[in-house]
Amino acid sequence: MRTLFHKNFRKQYKRLTAIQKKVDERLVLFAKDPFNPILNNHGLTGKYKGCRSINITGNFRAIYELINDNTGYFIALGTHPNLYR
């Protein structure tokens, strides 16, 4: 799967130096198989209705929109409480 990144996602990624390696690993895994069980890929409701989320670590999530069958547009990266409040 092809991945694109919103400028806010890029900013959040730069600030989170401690988990950048883990983000990179999960994005490679996402590109190979977006529904790998490790990612816990699931649809969202509320503020992010129509988007999907993948797990980066136990507390960090990456939120993306499906542009088409082969492209994910990542829009947000952060901790579960910060993203879903």
N, C-alpha and C. Protein backbone atom coordinates (compact mmCIF):
# COMPACT_ATOMS: atom_id res chain seq x y z
N MET A 1 0.84 -1.17 0.00
CA MET A 1 0.00 0.00 0.00
C MET A 1 0.89 1.25 0.00
N ARG A 2 0.48 2.23 -0.72
CA ARG A 2 1.19 3.50 -0.80
C ARG A 2 0.78 4.38 0.39
N THR A 3 1.73 5.13 0.95
CA THR A 3 1.43 6.00 2.08
C THR A 3 1.78 7.45 1.76
N LEU A 4 0.88 8.35 2.13
CA LEU A 4 1.09 9.79 2.03
C LEU A 4 0.95 10.37 3.43
N PHE A 5 1.54 11.56 3.66
CA PHE A 5 1.54 12.13 4.99
C PHE A 5 1.12 13.60 4.98
N HIS A 6 0.17 13.93 5.83
CA HIS A 6 -0.26 15.30 6.03
C HIS A 6 0.84 16.05 6.77
N LYS A 7 0.92 17.36 6.59
CA LYS A 7 1.97 18.14 7.25
C LYS A 7 1.90 18.04 8.77
N ASN A 8 0.70 17.93 9.33
CA ASN A 8 0.57 17.78 10.79
C ASN A 8 1.15 16.45 11.26
N PHE A 9 0.95 15.39 10.48
CA PHE A 9 1.53 14.09 10.82
C PHE A 9 3.05 14.21 10.84
N ARG A 10 3.61 14.87 9.85
CA ARG A 10 5.07 15.04 9.78
C ARG A 10 5.60 15.82 10.99
N LYS A 11 4.88 16.87 11.41
CA LYS A 11 5.29 17.66 12.57
C LYS A 11 5.26 16.80 13.84
N GLN A 12 4.18 16.05 14.00
CA GLN A 12 4.05 15.20 15.18
C GLN A 12 5.15 14.14 15.19
N TYR A 13 5.46 13.60 14.03
CA TYR A 13 6.52 12.60 13.91
C TYR A 13 7.86 13.18 14.34
N LYS A 14 8.17 14.39 13.89
CA LYS A 14 9.45 15.02 14.24
C LYS A 14 9.58 15.26 15.75
N ARG A 15 8.48 15.59 16.41
CA ARG A 15 8.50 15.85 17.85
C ARG A 15 8.66 14.57 18.68
N LEU A 16 8.25 13.45 18.14
CA LEU A 16 8.25 12.19 18.88
C LEU A 16 9.49 11.36 18.56
N THR A 17 10.65 11.91 18.87
CA THR A 17 11.91 11.24 18.53
C THR A 17 12.05 9.87 19.18
N ALA A 18 11.48 9.68 20.34
CA ALA A 18 11.63 8.42 21.07
C ALA A 18 10.96 7.24 20.36
N ILE A 19 9.94 7.50 19.55
CA ILE A 19 9.23 6.39 18.91
C ILE A 19 9.35 6.40 17.38
N GLN A 20 10.20 7.22 16.83
CA GLN A 20 10.31 7.31 15.37
C GLN A 20 10.67 5.97 14.73
N LYS A 21 11.56 5.24 15.35
CA LYS A 21 11.96 3.93 14.80
C LYS A 21 10.75 2.99 14.77
N LYS A 22 9.96 3.00 15.84
CA LYS A 22 8.77 2.14 15.91
C LYS A 22 7.74 2.57 14.86
N VAL A 23 7.57 3.88 14.67
CA VAL A 23 6.65 4.38 13.65
C VAL A 23 7.10 3.89 12.28
N ASP A 24 8.38 4.01 12.00
CA ASP A 24 8.92 3.56 10.72
C ASP A 24 8.65 2.06 10.50
N GLU A 25 8.88 1.26 11.54
CA GLU A 25 8.65 -0.18 11.45
C GLU A 25 7.19 -0.49 11.14
N ARG A 26 6.28 0.20 11.83
CA ARG A 26 4.85 -0.04 11.64
C ARG A 26 4.38 0.43 10.26
N LEU A 27 4.95 1.51 9.77
CA LEU A 27 4.57 1.99 8.44
C LEU A 27 5.05 1.04 7.34
N VAL A 28 6.21 0.42 7.53
CA VAL A 28 6.68 -0.59 6.58
C VAL A 28 5.74 -1.79 6.61
N LEU A 29 5.36 -2.21 7.81
CA LEU A 29 4.42 -3.31 7.96
C LEU A 29 3.08 -2.97 7.32
N PHE A 30 2.61 -1.73 7.53
CA PHE A 30 1.36 -1.26 6.94
C PHE A 30 1.43 -1.31 5.42
N ALA A 31 2.55 -0.89 4.84
CA ALA A 31 2.70 -0.89 3.38
C ALA A 31 2.63 -2.31 2.81
N LYS A 32 3.14 -3.27 3.56
CA LYS A 32 3.12 -4.67 3.10
C LYS A 32 1.75 -5.31 3.29
N ASP A 33 1.14 -5.07 4.47
CA ASP A 33 -0.15 -5.68 4.80
C ASP A 33 -0.89 -4.77 5.78
N PRO A 34 -1.77 -3.88 5.28
CA PRO A 34 -2.46 -2.93 6.15
C PRO A 34 -3.31 -3.58 7.26
N PHE A 35 -3.68 -4.82 7.07
CA PHE A 35 -4.53 -5.48 8.07
C PHE A 35 -3.80 -6.56 8.84
N ASN A 36 -2.48 -6.42 8.96
CA ASN A 36 -1.71 -7.32 9.80
C ASN A 36 -2.24 -7.20 11.23
N PRO A 37 -2.47 -8.31 11.92
CA PRO A 37 -3.05 -8.26 13.27
C PRO A 37 -2.23 -7.41 14.26
N ILE A 38 -0.94 -7.29 14.07
CA ILE A 38 -0.10 -6.48 14.97
C ILE A 38 -0.54 -5.01 14.95
N LEU A 39 -1.04 -4.56 13.81
CA LEU A 39 -1.42 -3.15 13.66
C LEU A 39 -2.77 -2.82 14.31
N ASN A 40 -3.59 -3.81 14.53
CA ASN A 40 -4.94 -3.60 15.08
C ASN A 40 -5.67 -2.50 14.29
N ASN A 41 -5.64 -2.61 12.99
CA ASN A 41 -6.27 -1.64 12.09
C ASN A 41 -7.78 -1.66 12.30
N HIS A 42 -8.36 -0.49 12.62
CA HIS A 42 -9.80 -0.44 12.87
C HIS A 42 -10.37 0.92 12.50
N GLY A 43 -11.64 0.92 12.16
CA GLY A 43 -12.36 2.13 11.82
C GLY A 43 -12.66 2.97 13.05
N LEU A 44 -12.83 4.27 12.83
CA LEU A 44 -13.08 5.20 13.93
C LEU A 44 -14.44 5.87 13.79
N THR A 45 -14.92 6.42 14.89
CA THR A 45 -16.17 7.17 14.90
C THR A 45 -15.91 8.53 15.52
N GLY A 46 -16.94 9.32 15.63
CA GLY A 46 -16.80 10.63 16.27
C GLY A 46 -16.00 11.60 15.44
N LYS A 47 -15.06 12.28 16.07
CA LYS A 47 -14.22 13.30 15.43
C LYS A 47 -13.53 12.77 14.18
N TYR A 48 -13.13 11.52 14.20
CA TYR A 48 -12.39 10.91 13.09
C TYR A 48 -13.25 9.92 12.29
N LYS A 49 -14.53 10.17 12.22
CA LYS A 49 -15.43 9.28 11.47
C LYS A 49 -14.96 9.18 10.02
N GLY A 50 -14.90 7.98 9.51
CA GLY A 50 -14.44 7.74 8.15
C GLY A 50 -12.96 7.46 8.07
N CYS A 51 -12.25 7.64 9.18
CA CYS A 51 -10.81 7.36 9.23
C CYS A 51 -10.58 6.01 9.88
N ARG A 52 -9.32 5.59 9.84
CA ARG A 52 -8.92 4.34 10.46
C ARG A 52 -7.71 4.60 11.33
N SER A 53 -7.42 3.69 12.24
CA SER A 53 -6.30 3.84 13.16
C SER A 53 -5.47 2.56 13.17
N ILE A 54 -4.16 2.73 13.33
CA ILE A 54 -3.28 1.58 13.55
C ILE A 54 -2.48 1.83 14.83
N ASN A 55 -2.11 0.75 15.50
CA ASN A 55 -1.29 0.85 16.70
C ASN A 55 0.17 1.01 16.32
N ILE A 56 0.84 1.93 17.01
CA ILE A 56 2.28 2.09 16.87
C ILE A 56 2.95 1.41 18.06
N THR A 57 2.53 1.78 19.26
CA THR A 57 2.95 1.11 20.50
C THR A 57 1.68 0.89 21.31
N GLY A 58 1.83 0.50 22.56
CA GLY A 58 0.66 0.29 23.40
C GLY A 58 -0.21 1.53 23.54
N ASN A 59 0.39 2.71 23.51
CA ASN A 59 -0.36 3.94 23.73
C ASN A 59 -0.39 4.86 22.51
N PHE A 60 0.50 4.69 21.56
CA PHE A 60 0.56 5.58 20.40
C PHE A 60 -0.21 5.01 19.22
N ARG A 61 -0.92 5.91 18.52
CA ARG A 61 -1.73 5.54 17.36
C ARG A 61 -1.38 6.43 16.18
N ALA A 62 -1.59 5.91 14.99
CA ALA A 62 -1.50 6.69 13.75
C ALA A 62 -2.87 6.62 13.08
N ILE A 63 -3.41 7.78 12.72
CA ILE A 63 -4.73 7.85 12.10
C ILE A 63 -4.55 8.17 10.63
N TYR A 64 -5.30 7.46 9.80
CA TYR A 64 -5.21 7.67 8.36
C TYR A 64 -6.57 7.57 7.70
N GLU A 65 -6.64 8.11 6.48
CA GLU A 65 -7.81 7.99 5.63
C GLU A 65 -7.42 7.14 4.42
N LEU A 66 -8.34 6.33 3.96
CA LEU A 66 -8.11 5.59 2.73
C LEU A 66 -8.50 6.49 1.56
N ILE A 67 -7.53 6.82 0.72
CA ILE A 67 -7.78 7.64 -0.45
C ILE A 67 -8.38 6.78 -1.56
N ASN A 68 -7.82 5.60 -1.73
CA ASN A 68 -8.36 4.60 -2.65
C ASN A 68 -7.90 3.24 -2.13
N ASP A 69 -8.12 2.21 -2.90
CA ASP A 69 -7.78 0.85 -2.45
C ASP A 69 -6.30 0.64 -2.18
N ASN A 70 -5.44 1.53 -2.70
CA ASN A 70 -4.01 1.32 -2.57
C ASN A 70 -3.26 2.50 -1.95
N THR A 71 -3.97 3.46 -1.35
CA THR A 71 -3.31 4.64 -0.78
C THR A 71 -3.90 5.01 0.57
N GLY A 72 -3.02 5.11 1.57
CA GLY A 72 -3.41 5.59 2.89
C GLY A 72 -2.80 6.95 3.14
N TYR A 73 -3.61 7.90 3.60
CA TYR A 73 -3.17 9.28 3.85
C TYR A 73 -3.15 9.49 5.36
N PHE A 74 -1.95 9.47 5.96
CA PHE A 74 -1.81 9.59 7.41
C PHE A 74 -1.96 11.04 7.84
N ILE A 75 -2.88 11.27 8.78
CA ILE A 75 -3.22 12.64 9.17
C ILE A 75 -2.85 12.99 10.60
N ALA A 76 -2.68 12.01 11.48
CA ALA A 76 -2.38 12.33 12.88
C ALA A 76 -1.58 11.20 13.52
N LEU A 77 -0.76 11.59 14.49
CA LEU A 77 0.07 10.66 15.24
C LEU A 77 0.14 11.16 16.67
N GLY A 78 -0.14 10.29 17.62
CA GLY A 78 -0.06 10.71 19.02
C GLY A 78 -0.55 9.63 19.96
N THR A 79 -0.62 10.00 21.24
CA THR A 79 -1.10 9.04 22.24
C THR A 79 -2.61 8.90 22.12
N HIS A 80 -3.09 7.79 22.57
CA HIS A 80 -4.53 7.52 22.53
C HIS A 80 -5.32 8.63 23.22
N PRO A 81 -4.97 9.02 24.46
CA PRO A 81 -5.75 10.09 25.11
C PRO A 81 -5.69 11.44 24.38
N ASN A 82 -4.56 11.78 23.80
CA ASN A 82 -4.44 13.06 23.11
C ASN A 82 -5.23 13.09 21.80
N LEU A 83 -5.30 11.99 21.11
CA LEU A 83 -6.00 11.96 19.83
C LEU A 83 -7.51 11.90 19.99
N TYR A 84 -7.99 11.19 21.01
CA TYR A 84 -9.42 10.92 21.11
C TYR A 84 -10.14 11.71 22.20
N ARG A 85 -9.61 12.86 22.56
CA ARG A 85 -10.35 13.65 23.56
C ARG A 85 -11.28 14.62 22.93
